[in-house]
PDB file of N, CA and C in Angstrom:
ATOM      1  N   UNK A   1      39.135 -22.226  22.374  1.00  0.00           N
ATOM      2  CA  UNK A   1      38.683 -21.715  23.658  1.00  0.00           C
ATOM      3  C   UNK A   1      37.693 -20.576  23.399  1.00  0.00           C
ATOM      4  N   UNK A   2      36.492 -20.619  24.035  1.00  0.00           N
ATOM      5  CA  UNK A   2      35.507 -19.566  23.784  1.00  0.00           C
ATOM      6  C   UNK A   2      35.948 -18.257  24.408  1.00  0.00           C
ATOM      7  N   UNK A   3      35.504 -17.167  23.791  1.00  0.00           N
ATOM      8  CA  UNK A   3      35.781 -15.853  24.350  1.00  0.00           C
ATOM      9  C   UNK A   3      34.976 -15.692  25.620  1.00  0.00           C
ATOM     10  N   UNK A   4      35.543 -14.977  26.587  1.00  0.00           N
ATOM     11  CA  UNK A   4      34.859 -14.797  27.859  1.00  0.00           C
ATOM     12  C   UNK A   4      34.607 -13.323  28.118  1.00  0.00           C
ATOM     13  N   UNK A   5      33.499 -13.046  28.727  1.00  0.00           N
ATOM     14  CA  UNK A   5      33.194 -11.692  29.180  1.00  0.00           C
ATOM     15  C   UNK A   5      33.306 -11.713  30.697  1.00  0.00           C
ATOM     16  N   UNK A   6      33.741 -10.625  31.259  1.00  0.00           N
ATOM     17  CA  UNK A   6      33.904 -10.618  32.714  1.00  0.00           C
ATOM     18  C   UNK A   6      33.156  -9.436  33.316  1.00  0.00           C
ATOM     19  N   UNK A   7      32.944  -9.545  34.612  1.00  0.00           N
ATOM     20  CA  UNK A   7      32.275  -8.474  35.317  1.00  0.00           C
ATOM     21  C   UNK A   7      32.571  -8.580  36.796  1.00  0.00           C
ATOM     22  N   UNK A   8      32.181  -7.575  37.530  1.00  0.00           N
ATOM     23  CA  UNK A   8      32.405  -7.557  38.968  1.00  0.00           C
ATOM     24  C   UNK A   8      31.077  -7.263  39.630  1.00  0.00           C
ATOM     25  N   UNK A   9      30.722  -8.068  40.640  1.00  0.00           N
ATOM     26  CA  UNK A   9      29.498  -7.847  41.386  1.00  0.00           C
ATOM     27  C   UNK A   9      29.805  -8.023  42.861  1.00  0.00           C
ATOM     28  N   UNK A  10      29.677  -6.978  43.611  1.00  0.00           N
ATOM     29  CA  UNK A  10      29.942  -6.984  45.060  1.00  0.00           C
ATOM     30  C   UNK A  10      31.311  -7.583  45.361  1.00  0.00           C
ATOM     31  N   UNK A  11      32.313  -7.174  44.636  1.00  0.00           N
ATOM     32  CA  UNK A  11      33.674  -7.596  44.895  1.00  0.00           C
ATOM     33  C   UNK A  11      34.024  -8.962  44.336  1.00  0.00           C
ATOM     34  N   UNK A  12      33.083  -9.657  43.706  1.00  0.00           N
ATOM     35  CA  UNK A  12      33.342 -10.980  43.147  1.00  0.00           C
ATOM     36  C   UNK A  12      33.508 -10.861  41.641  1.00  0.00           C
ATOM     37  N   UNK A  13      34.544 -11.441  41.124  1.00  0.00           N
ATOM     38  CA  UNK A  13      34.787 -11.442  39.684  1.00  0.00           C
ATOM     39  C   UNK A  13      34.131 -12.698  39.105  1.00  0.00           C
ATOM     40  N   UNK A  14      33.422 -12.534  38.013  1.00  0.00           N
ATOM     41  CA  UNK A  14      32.822 -13.700  37.369  1.00  0.00           C
ATOM     42  C   UNK A  14      33.127 -13.655  35.880  1.00  0.00           C
ATOM     43  N   UNK A  15      33.131 -14.827  35.288  1.00  0.00           N
ATOM     44  CA  UNK A  15      33.376 -14.969  33.856  1.00  0.00           C
ATOM     45  C   UNK A  15      32.176 -15.682  33.236  1.00  0.00           C
ATOM     46  N   UNK A  16      31.712 -15.160  32.138  1.00  0.00           N
ATOM     47  CA  UNK A  16      30.602 -15.778  31.412  1.00  0.00           C
ATOM     48  C   UNK A  16      31.023 -15.987  29.969  1.00  0.00           C
ATOM     49  N   UNK A  17      30.675 -17.126  29.419  1.00  0.00           N
ATOM     50  CA  UNK A  17      30.988 -17.318  28.005  1.00  0.00           C
ATOM     51  C   UNK A  17      30.215 -16.307  27.159  1.00  0.00           C
ATOM     52  N   UNK A  18      30.846 -15.803  26.106  1.00  0.00           N
ATOM     53  CA  UNK A  18      30.221 -14.826  25.220  1.00  0.00           C
ATOM     54  C   UNK A  18      28.970 -15.414  24.574  1.00  0.00           C
ATOM     55  N   UNK A  19      28.974 -16.740  24.348  1.00  0.00           N
ATOM     56  CA  UNK A  19      27.836 -17.318  23.653  1.00  0.00           C
ATOM     57  C   UNK A  19      26.534 -17.076  24.403  1.00  0.00           C
ATOM     58  N   UNK A  20      26.577 -16.917  25.739  1.00  0.00           N
ATOM     59  CA  UNK A  20      25.357 -16.574  26.477  1.00  0.00           C
ATOM     60  C   UNK A  20      24.802 -15.250  25.984  1.00  0.00           C
ATOM     61  N   UNK A  21      25.695 -14.307  25.715  1.00  0.00           N
ATOM     62  CA  UNK A  21      25.258 -13.008  25.220  1.00  0.00           C
ATOM     63  C   UNK A  21      24.743 -13.103  23.784  1.00  0.00           C
ATOM     64  N   UNK A  22      25.401 -13.930  22.972  1.00  0.00           N
ATOM     65  CA  UNK A  22      24.968 -14.027  21.584  1.00  0.00           C
ATOM     66  C   UNK A  22      23.610 -14.692  21.472  1.00  0.00           C
ATOM     67  N   UNK A  23      23.302 -15.622  22.380  1.00  0.00           N
ATOM     68  CA  UNK A  23      21.975 -16.231  22.312  1.00  0.00           C
ATOM     69  C   UNK A  23      20.912 -15.190  22.654  1.00  0.00           C
ATOM     70  N   UNK A  24      21.223 -14.312  23.583  1.00  0.00           N
ATOM     71  CA  UNK A  24      20.292 -13.233  23.897  1.00  0.00           C
ATOM     72  C   UNK A  24      20.159 -12.299  22.700  1.00  0.00           C
ATOM     73  N   UNK A  25      21.302 -11.978  22.076  1.00  0.00           N
ATOM     74  CA  UNK A  25      21.256 -11.119  20.892  1.00  0.00           C
ATOM     75  C   UNK A  25      20.493 -11.805  19.780  1.00  0.00           C
ATOM     76  N   UNK A  26      20.655 -13.122  19.653  1.00  0.00           N
ATOM     77  CA  UNK A  26      19.911 -13.856  18.645  1.00  0.00           C
ATOM     78  C   UNK A  26      18.416 -13.774  18.882  1.00  0.00           C
ATOM     79  N   UNK A  27      18.025 -13.827  20.160  1.00  0.00           N
ATOM     80  CA  UNK A  27      16.605 -13.693  20.493  1.00  0.00           C
ATOM     81  C   UNK A  27      16.089 -12.309  20.104  1.00  0.00           C
ATOM     82  N   UNK A  28      16.890 -11.279  20.389  1.00  0.00           N
ATOM     83  CA  UNK A  28      16.493  -9.923  20.016  1.00  0.00           C
ATOM     84  C   UNK A  28      16.417  -9.789  18.502  1.00  0.00           C
ATOM     85  N   UNK A  29      17.359 -10.438  17.820  1.00  0.00           N
ATOM     86  CA  UNK A  29      17.337 -10.392  16.358  1.00  0.00           C
ATOM     87  C   UNK A  29      16.089 -11.080  15.825  1.00  0.00           C
ATOM     88  N   UNK A  30      15.711 -12.181  16.466  1.00  0.00           N
ATOM     89  CA  UNK A  30      14.508 -12.881  16.052  1.00  0.00           C
ATOM     90  C   UNK A  30      13.283 -12.000  16.269  1.00  0.00           C
ATOM     91  N   UNK A  31      13.253 -11.275  17.384  1.00  0.00           N
ATOM     92  CA  UNK A  31      12.161 -10.332  17.624  1.00  0.00           C
ATOM     93  C   UNK A  31      12.101  -9.286  16.527  1.00  0.00           C
ATOM     94  N   UNK A  32      13.279  -8.790  16.138  1.00  0.00           N
ATOM     95  CA  UNK A  32      13.332  -7.792  15.076  1.00  0.00           C
ATOM     96  C   UNK A  32      12.786  -8.338  13.776  1.00  0.00           C
ATOM     97  N   UNK A  33      13.126  -9.585  13.464  1.00  0.00           N
ATOM     98  CA  UNK A  33      12.632 -10.149  12.217  1.00  0.00           C
ATOM     99  C   UNK A  33      11.127 -10.373  12.294  1.00  0.00           C
ATOM    100  N   UNK A  34      10.598 -10.671  13.490  1.00  0.00           N
ATOM    101  CA  UNK A  34       9.150 -10.806  13.639  1.00  0.00           C
ATOM    102  C   UNK A  34       8.477  -9.464  13.402  1.00  0.00           C
ATOM    103  N   UNK A  35       9.082  -8.391  13.909  1.00  0.00           N
ATOM    104  CA  UNK A  35       8.529  -7.054  13.680  1.00  0.00           C
ATOM    105  C   UNK A  35       8.589  -6.715  12.189  1.00  0.00           C
ATOM    106  N   UNK A  36       9.676  -7.109  11.536  1.00  0.00           N
ATOM    107  CA  UNK A  36       9.787  -6.870  10.093  1.00  0.00           C
ATOM    108  C   UNK A  36       8.694  -7.616   9.338  1.00  0.00           C
ATOM    109  N   UNK A  37       8.433  -8.854   9.748  1.00  0.00           N
ATOM    110  CA  UNK A  37       7.364  -9.625   9.098  1.00  0.00           C
ATOM    111  C   UNK A  37       6.011  -8.957   9.309  1.00  0.00           C
ATOM    112  N   UNK A  38       5.790  -8.447  10.533  1.00  0.00           N
ATOM    113  CA  UNK A  38       4.524  -7.760  10.815  1.00  0.00           C
ATOM    114  C   UNK A  38       4.384  -6.513   9.943  1.00  0.00           C
ATOM    115  N   UNK A  39       5.472  -5.790   9.791  1.00  0.00           N
ATOM    116  CA  UNK A  39       5.448  -4.585   8.953  1.00  0.00           C
ATOM    117  C   UNK A  39       5.175  -4.961   7.501  1.00  0.00           C
ATOM    118  N   UNK A  40       5.842  -6.014   7.021  1.00  0.00           N
ATOM    119  CA  UNK A  40       5.610  -6.452   5.638  1.00  0.00           C
ATOM    120  C   UNK A  40       4.171  -6.914   5.441  1.00  0.00           C
ATOM    121  N   UNK A  41       3.629  -7.623   6.429  1.00  0.00           N
ATOM    122  CA  UNK A  41       2.240  -8.085   6.338  1.00  0.00           C
ATOM    123  C   UNK A  41       1.285  -6.897   6.305  1.00  0.00           C
ATOM    124  N   UNK A  42       1.530  -5.913   7.172  1.00  0.00           N
ATOM    125  CA  UNK A  42       0.685  -4.712   7.203  1.00  0.00           C
ATOM    126  C   UNK A  42       0.781  -3.951   5.887  1.00  0.00           C
ATOM    127  N   UNK A  43       1.997  -3.835   5.355  1.00  0.00           N
ATOM    128  CA  UNK A  43       2.184  -3.155   4.074  1.00  0.00           C
ATOM    129  C   UNK A  43       1.437  -3.885   2.962  1.00  0.00           C
ATOM    130  N   UNK A  44       1.494  -5.229   2.994  1.00  0.00           N
ATOM    131  CA  UNK A  44       0.805  -6.022   1.980  1.00  0.00           C
ATOM    132  C   UNK A  44      -0.709  -5.837   2.093  1.00  0.00           C
ATOM    133  N   UNK A  45      -1.218  -5.813   3.334  1.00  0.00           N
ATOM    134  CA  UNK A  45      -2.657  -5.606   3.538  1.00  0.00           C
ATOM    135  C   UNK A  45      -3.098  -4.233   3.032  1.00  0.00           C
ATOM    136  N   UNK A  46      -2.314  -3.205   3.350  1.00  0.00           N
ATOM    137  CA  UNK A  46      -2.639  -1.857   2.876  1.00  0.00           C
ATOM    138  C   UNK A  46      -2.551  -1.781   1.355  1.00  0.00           C
ATOM    139  N   UNK A  47      -1.564  -2.465   0.808  1.00  0.00           N
ATOM    140  CA  UNK A  47      -1.408  -2.489  -0.641  1.00  0.00           C
ATOM    141  C   UNK A  47      -2.616  -3.155  -1.299  1.00  0.00           C
ATOM    142  N   UNK A  48      -3.088  -4.247  -0.692  1.00  0.00           N
ATOM    143  CA  UNK A  48      -4.269  -4.933  -1.233  1.00  0.00           C
ATOM    144  C   UNK A  48      -5.498  -4.033  -1.184  1.00  0.00           C
ATOM    145  N   UNK A  49      -5.657  -3.303  -0.065  1.00  0.00           N
ATOM    146  CA  UNK A  49      -6.790  -2.373   0.050  1.00  0.00           C
ATOM    147  C   UNK A  49      -6.713  -1.280  -1.018  1.00  0.00           C
ATOM    148  N   UNK A  50      -5.512  -0.741  -1.205  1.00  0.00           N
ATOM    149  CA  UNK A  50      -5.336   0.315  -2.203  1.00  0.00           C
ATOM    150  C   UNK A  50      -5.598  -0.224  -3.606  1.00  0.00           C
ATOM    151  N   UNK A  51      -5.203  -1.461  -3.858  1.00  0.00           N
ATOM    152  CA  UNK A  51      -5.455  -2.087  -5.161  1.00  0.00           C
ATOM    153  C   UNK A  51      -6.962  -2.209  -5.399  1.00  0.00           C
ATOM    154  N   UNK A  52      -7.696  -2.627  -4.362  1.00  0.00           N
ATOM    155  CA  UNK A  52      -9.148  -2.762  -4.484  1.00  0.00           C
ATOM    156  C   UNK A  52      -9.804  -1.400  -4.731  1.00  0.00           C
ATOM    157  N   UNK A  53      -9.359  -0.387  -3.975  1.00  0.00           N
ATOM    158  CA  UNK A  53      -9.908   0.957  -4.172  1.00  0.00           C
ATOM    159  C   UNK A  53      -9.608   1.463  -5.576  1.00  0.00           C
ATOM    160  N   UNK A  54      -8.401   1.203  -6.044  1.00  0.00           N
ATOM    161  CA  UNK A  54      -8.016   1.636  -7.385  1.00  0.00           C
ATOM    162  C   UNK A  54      -8.853   0.969  -8.455  1.00  0.00           C
ATOM    163  N   UNK A  55      -9.096  -0.323  -8.289  1.00  0.00           N
ATOM    164  CA  UNK A  55      -9.926  -1.046  -9.253  1.00  0.00           C
ATOM    165  C   UNK A  55     -11.350  -0.497  -9.236  1.00  0.00           C
ATOM    166  N   UNK A  56     -11.861  -0.264  -8.035  1.00  0.00           N
ATOM    167  CA  UNK A  56     -13.222   0.281  -7.898  1.00  0.00           C
ATOM    168  C   UNK A  56     -13.330   1.671  -8.526  1.00  0.00           C
ATOM    169  N   UNK A  57     -12.338   2.528  -8.252  1.00  0.00           N
ATOM    170  CA  UNK A  57     -12.357   3.876  -8.836  1.00  0.00           C
ATOM    171  C   UNK A  57     -12.277   3.820 -10.360  1.00  0.00           C
ATOM    172  N   UNK A  58     -11.451   2.930 -10.886  1.00  0.00           N
ATOM    173  CA  UNK A  58     -11.348   2.813 -12.344  1.00  0.00           C
ATOM    174  C   UNK A  58     -12.671   2.376 -12.960  1.00  0.00           C
ATOM    175  N   UNK A  59     -13.316   1.388 -12.334  1.00  0.00           N
ATOM    176  CA  UNK A  59     -14.599   0.916 -12.860  1.00  0.00           C
ATOM    177  C   UNK A  59     -15.664   2.013 -12.807  1.00  0.00           C
ATOM    178  N   UNK A  60     -15.724   2.717 -11.679  1.00  0.00           N
ATOM    179  CA  UNK A  60     -16.697   3.810 -11.560  1.00  0.00           C
ATOM    180  C   UNK A  60     -16.392   4.903 -12.584  1.00  0.00           C
ATOM    181  N   UNK A  61     -15.113   5.202 -12.762  1.00  0.00           N
ATOM    182  CA  UNK A  61     -14.712   6.222 -13.726  1.00  0.00           C
ATOM    183  C   UNK A  61     -15.091   5.842 -15.143  1.00  0.00           C
ATOM    184  N   UNK A  62     -14.876   4.579 -15.484  1.00  0.00           N
ATOM    185  CA  UNK A  62     -15.245   4.124 -16.830  1.00  0.00           C
ATOM    186  C   UNK A  62     -16.761   4.187 -17.022  1.00  0.00           C
ATOM    187  N   UNK A  63     -17.498   3.893 -15.947  1.00  0.00           N
ATOM    188  CA  UNK A  63     -18.960   3.995 -16.014  1.00  0.00           C
ATOM    189  C   UNK A  63     -19.421   5.425 -16.243  1.00  0.00           C
ATOM    190  N   UNK A  64     -18.791   6.372 -15.525  1.00  0.00           N
ATOM    191  CA  UNK A  64     -19.135   7.791 -15.706  1.00  0.00           C
ATOM    192  C   UNK A  64     -18.792   8.256 -17.125  1.00  0.00           C
ATOM    193  N   UNK A  65     -17.653   7.790 -17.612  1.00  0.00           N
ATOM    194  CA  UNK A  65     -17.249   8.160 -18.969  1.00  0.00           C
ATOM    195  C   UNK A  65     -18.268   7.642 -19.989  1.00  0.00           C
ATOM    196  N   UNK A  66     -18.695   6.407 -19.816  1.00  0.00           N
ATOM    197  CA  UNK A  66     -19.687   5.836 -20.725  1.00  0.00           C
ATOM    198  C   UNK A  66     -21.017   6.599 -20.646  1.00  0.00           C
ATOM    199  N   UNK A  67     -21.445   6.901 -19.415  1.00  0.00           N
ATOM    200  CA  UNK A  67     -22.675   7.679 -19.237  1.00  0.00           C
ATOM    201  C   UNK A  67     -22.548   9.040 -19.918  1.00  0.00           C
ATOM    202  N   UNK A  68     -21.374   9.653 -19.779  1.00  0.00           N
ATOM    203  CA  UNK A  68     -21.124  10.941 -20.420  1.00  0.00           C
ATOM    204  C   UNK A  68     -21.177  10.848 -21.935  1.00  0.00           C
ATOM    205  N   UNK A  69     -20.612   9.776 -22.484  1.00  0.00           N
ATOM    206  CA  UNK A  69     -20.656   9.582 -23.943  1.00  0.00           C
ATOM    207  C   UNK A  69     -22.099   9.481 -24.433  1.00  0.00           C
ATOM    208  N   UNK A  70     -22.908   8.722 -23.677  1.00  0.00           N
ATOM    209  CA  UNK A  70     -24.319   8.563 -24.064  1.00  0.00           C
ATOM    210  C   UNK A  70     -25.070   9.895 -23.992  1.00  0.00           C
ATOM    211  N   UNK A  71     -24.847  10.655 -22.912  1.00  0.00           N
ATOM    212  CA  UNK A  71     -25.508  11.958 -22.777  1.00  0.00           C
ATOM    213  C   UNK A  71     -25.073  12.905 -23.894  1.00  0.00           C
ATOM    214  N   UNK A  72     -23.771  12.898 -24.163  1.00  0.00           N
ATOM    215  CA  UNK A  72     -23.239  13.770 -25.209  1.00  0.00           C
ATOM    216  C   UNK A  72     -23.867  13.425 -26.559  1.00  0.00           C
ATOM    217  N   UNK A  73     -23.930  12.129 -26.847  1.00  0.00           N
ATOM    218  CA  UNK A  73     -24.512  11.697 -28.126  1.00  0.00           C
ATOM    219  C   UNK A  73     -26.004  12.024 -28.193  1.00  0.00           C
ATOM    220  N   UNK A  74     -26.709  11.755 -27.080  1.00  0.00           N
ATOM    221  CA  UNK A  74     -28.152  12.044 -27.067  1.00  0.00           C
ATOM    222  C   UNK A  74     -28.401  13.543 -27.200  1.00  0.00           C
ATOM    223  N   UNK A  75     -27.613  14.338 -26.522  1.00  0.00           N
ATOM    224  CA  UNK A  75     -27.743  15.792 -26.626  1.00  0.00           C
ATOM    225  C   UNK A  75     -27.454  16.272 -28.037  1.00  0.00           C
ATOM    226  N   UNK A  76     -26.464  15.674 -28.685  1.00  0.00           N
ATOM    227  CA  UNK A  76     -26.130  16.040 -30.065  1.00  0.00           C
ATOM    228  C   UNK A  76     -27.246  15.678 -31.038  1.00  0.00           C
ATOM    229  N   UNK A  77     -27.847  14.515 -30.822  1.00  0.00           N
ATOM    230  CA  UNK A  77     -28.919  14.074 -31.714  1.00  0.00           C
ATOM    231  C   UNK A  77     -30.195  14.902 -31.549  1.00  0.00           C
ATOM    232  N   UNK A  78     -30.475  15.285 -30.304  1.00  0.00           N
ATOM    233  CA  UNK A  78     -31.720  16.025 -30.039  1.00  0.00           C
ATOM    234  C   UNK A  78     -31.529  17.539 -30.080  1.00  0.00           C
ATOM    235  N   UNK A  79     -30.296  17.980 -30.161  1.00  0.00           N
ATOM    236  CA  UNK A  79     -30.024  19.411 -30.161  1.00  0.00           C
ATOM    237  C   UNK A  79     -30.061  20.026 -28.770  1.00  0.00           C
ATOM    238  N   UNK A  80     -30.029  19.182 -27.728  1.00  0.00           N
ATOM    239  CA  UNK A  80     -30.055  19.647 -26.335  1.00  0.00           C
ATOM    240  C   UNK A  80     -28.620  19.947 -25.892  1.00  0.00           C
ATOM    241  N   UNK A  81     -28.266  21.229 -25.952  1.00  0.00           N
ATOM    242  CA  UNK A  81     -26.892  21.629 -25.619  1.00  0.00           C
ATOM    243  C   UNK A  81     -26.580  21.385 -24.142  1.00  0.00           C
ATOM    244  N   UNK A  82     -27.576  21.537 -23.293  1.00  0.00           N
ATOM    245  CA  UNK A  82     -27.355  21.322 -21.850  1.00  0.00           C
ATOM    246  C   UNK A  82     -27.010  19.857 -21.589  1.00  0.00           C
ATOM    247  N   UNK A  83     -27.752  18.931 -22.189  1.00  0.00           N
ATOM    248  CA  UNK A  83     -27.490  17.506 -22.024  1.00  0.00           C
ATOM    249  C   UNK A  83     -26.122  17.146 -22.603  1.00  0.00           C
ATOM    250  N   UNK A  84     -25.794  17.760 -23.703  1.00  0.00           N
ATOM    251  CA  UNK A  84     -24.492  17.520 -24.329  1.00  0.00           C
ATOM    252  C   UNK A  84     -23.367  18.009 -23.415  1.00  0.00           C
ATOM    253  N   UNK A  85     -23.547  19.183 -22.788  1.00  0.00           N
ATOM    254  CA  UNK A  85     -22.545  19.728 -21.865  1.00  0.00           C
ATOM    255  C   UNK A  85     -22.412  18.834 -20.625  1.00  0.00           C
ATOM    256  N   UNK A  86     -23.547  18.342 -20.109  1.00  0.00           N
ATOM    257  CA  UNK A  86     -23.498  17.420 -18.964  1.00  0.00           C
ATOM    258  C   UNK A  86     -22.708  16.168 -19.337  1.00  0.00           C
ATOM    259  N   UNK A  87     -22.916  15.694 -20.540  1.00  0.00           N
ATOM    260  CA  UNK A  87     -22.198  14.515 -21.007  1.00  0.00           C
ATOM    261  C   UNK A  87     -20.695  14.745 -21.045  1.00  0.00           C
ATOM    262  N   UNK A  88     -20.300  15.903 -21.510  1.00  0.00           N
ATOM    263  CA  UNK A  88     -18.865  16.224 -21.564  1.00  0.00           C
ATOM    264  C   UNK A  88     -18.280  16.309 -20.150  1.00  0.00           C
ATOM    265  N   UNK A  89     -19.042  16.901 -19.224  1.00  0.00           N
ATOM    266  CA  UNK A  89     -18.567  17.001 -17.838  1.00  0.00           C
ATOM    267  C   UNK A  89     -18.471  15.605 -17.196  1.00  0.00           C
ATOM    268  N   UNK A  90     -19.461  14.757 -17.465  1.00  0.00           N
ATOM    269  CA  UNK A  90     -19.411  13.390 -16.936  1.00  0.00           C
ATOM    270  C   UNK A  90     -18.202  12.634 -17.478  1.00  0.00           C
ATOM    271  N   UNK A  91     -17.891  12.851 -18.749  1.00  0.00           N
ATOM    272  CA  UNK A  91     -16.728  12.192 -19.336  1.00  0.00           C
ATOM    273  C   UNK A  91     -15.437  12.650 -18.663  1.00  0.00           C
ATOM    274  N   UNK A  92     -15.326  13.959 -18.417  1.00  0.00           N
ATOM    275  CA  UNK A  92     -14.124  14.491 -17.752  1.00  0.00           C
ATOM    276  C   UNK A  92     -13.999  13.906 -16.350  1.00  0.00           C
ATOM    277  N   UNK A  93     -15.119  13.900 -15.603  1.00  0.00           N
ATOM    278  CA  UNK A  93     -15.094  13.345 -14.242  1.00  0.00           C
ATOM    279  C   UNK A  93     -14.744  11.859 -14.275  1.00  0.00           C
ATOM    280  N   UNK A  94     -15.288  11.135 -15.240  1.00  0.00           N
ATOM    281  CA  UNK A  94     -15.008   9.710 -15.356  1.00  0.00           C
ATOM    282  C   UNK A  94     -13.547   9.433 -15.675  1.00  0.00           C
ATOM    283  N   UNK A  95     -12.992  10.208 -16.585  1.00  0.00           N
ATOM    284  CA  UNK A  95     -11.576  10.019 -16.930  1.00  0.00           C
ATOM    285  C   UNK A  95     -10.682  10.329 -15.736  1.00  0.00           C
ATOM    286  N   UNK A  96     -11.038  11.374 -14.970  1.00  0.00           N
ATOM    287  CA  UNK A  96     -10.244  11.722 -13.777  1.00  0.00           C
ATOM    288  C   UNK A  96     -10.316  10.595 -12.750  1.00  0.00           C
ATOM    289  N   UNK A  97     -11.496  10.035 -12.526  1.00  0.00           N
ATOM    290  CA  UNK A  97     -11.634   8.957 -11.555  1.00  0.00           C
ATOM    291  C   UNK A  97     -10.914   7.698 -12.024  1.00  0.00           C
ATOM    292  N   UNK A  98     -10.968   7.407 -13.300  1.00  0.00           N
ATOM    293  CA  UNK A  98     -10.247   6.261 -13.846  1.00  0.00           C
ATOM    294  C   UNK A  98      -8.738   6.445 -13.666  1.00  0.00           C
ATOM    295  N   UNK A  99      -8.262   7.653 -13.921  1.00  0.00           N
ATOM    296  CA  UNK A  99      -6.830   7.940 -13.749  1.00  0.00           C
ATOM    297  C   UNK A  99      -6.421   7.786 -12.290  1.00  0.00           C
ATOM    298  N   UNK A 100      -7.264   8.260 -11.368  1.00  0.00           N
ATOM    299  CA  UNK A 100      -6.992   8.089  -9.941  1.00  0.00           C
ATOM    300  C   UNK A 100      -6.863   6.600  -9.621  1.00  0.00           C
ATOM    301  N   UNK A 101      -7.758   5.798 -10.145  1.00  0.00           N
ATOM    302  CA  UNK A 101      -7.700   4.359  -9.916  1.00  0.00           C
ATOM    303  C   UNK A 101      -6.417   3.742 -10.441  1.00  0.00           C
ATOM    304  N   UNK A 102      -5.976   4.189 -11.605  1.00  0.00           N
ATOM    305  CA  UNK A 102      -4.720   3.678 -12.170  1.00  0.00           C
ATOM    306  C   UNK A 102      -3.535   4.044 -11.283  1.00  0.00           C
ATOM    307  N   UNK A 103      -3.538   5.269 -10.767  1.00  0.00           N
ATOM    308  CA  UNK A 103      -2.452   5.710  -9.874  1.00  0.00           C
ATOM    309  C   UNK A 103      -2.464   4.875  -8.592  1.00  0.00           C
ATOM    310  N   UNK A 104      -3.650   4.654  -8.026  1.00  0.00           N
ATOM    311  CA  UNK A 104      -3.755   3.850  -6.809  1.00  0.00           C
ATOM    312  C   UNK A 104      -3.221   2.438  -7.041  1.00  0.00           C
ATOM    313  N   UNK A 105      -3.573   1.828  -8.144  1.00  0.00           N
ATOM    314  CA  UNK A 105      -3.094   0.477  -8.438  1.00  0.00           C
ATOM    315  C   UNK A 105      -1.586   0.461  -8.657  1.00  0.00           C
ATOM    316  N   UNK A 106      -1.065   1.493  -9.298  1.00  0.00           N
ATOM    317  CA  UNK A 106       0.380   1.583  -9.525  1.00  0.00           C
ATOM    318  C   UNK A 106       1.121   1.685  -8.189  1.00  0.00           C
ATOM    319  N   UNK A 107       0.620   2.527  -7.293  1.00  0.00           N
ATOM    320  CA  UNK A 107       1.239   2.671  -5.971  1.00  0.00           C
ATOM    321  C   UNK A 107       1.145   1.356  -5.217  1.00  0.00           C
ATOM    322  N   UNK A 108      -0.004   0.696  -5.291  1.00  0.00           N
ATOM    323  CA  UNK A 108      -0.175  -0.585  -4.602  1.00  0.00           C
ATOM    324  C   UNK A 108       0.835  -1.614  -5.122  1.00  0.00           C
ATOM    325  N   UNK A 109       1.048  -1.656  -6.432  1.00  0.00           N
ATOM    326  CA  UNK A 109       2.020  -2.592  -7.001  1.00  0.00           C
ATOM    327  C   UNK A 109       3.422  -2.299  -6.487  1.00  0.00           C
ATOM    328  N   UNK A 110       3.770  -1.044  -6.449  1.00  0.00           N
ATOM    329  CA  UNK A 110       5.140  -0.666  -6.033  1.00  0.00           C
ATOM    330  C   UNK A 110       5.373  -0.914  -4.555  1.00  0.00           C
ATOM    331  N   UNK A 111       4.376  -0.659  -3.706  1.00  0.00           N
ATOM    332  CA  UNK A 111       4.577  -0.858  -2.267  1.00  0.00           C
ATOM    333  C   UNK A 111       4.518  -2.333  -1.890  1.00  0.00           C
ATOM    334  N   UNK A 112       3.781  -3.111  -2.620  1.00  0.00           N
ATOM    335  CA  UNK A 112       3.668  -4.542  -2.302  1.00  0.00           C
ATOM    336  C   UNK A 112       4.981  -5.276  -2.550  1.00  0.00           C
ATOM    337  N   UNK A 113       5.724  -4.871  -3.546  1.00  0.00           N
ATOM    338  CA  UNK A 113       6.957  -5.552  -3.928  1.00  0.00           C
ATOM    339  C   UNK A 113       8.118  -5.252  -3.001  1.00  0.00           C
ATOM    340  N   UNK A 114       7.994  -4.317  -2.113  1.00  0.00           N
ATOM    341  CA  UNK A 114       9.136  -3.947  -1.254  1.00  0.00           C
ATOM    342  C   UNK A 114       9.193  -4.789  -0.013  1.00  0.00           C
TER     343      UNK A 114
END
């Protein structure tokens, strides 16, 4: 025998099967799972964007580092201390940007898996 829920409306007693309520709860649960899917999709999209930014930052950083190495070497060969110093600064900036890219990709990997 199904469980019954009861209520009173304008002096009339009525009985409703509980399953009517559970189907409504099931609908609400389905809505919740749709919201969860939307959140997961949004998280995945943001993770993909962060991964792309991280890759781009790493590539730019490696380029700056390479440019810095060339300037440093050229400055050393020609005795141009200013060019050599610029090269060292470019290398530092490049390494920092590459590291930022690695951190961004790491965060993207961790957030995508959740």
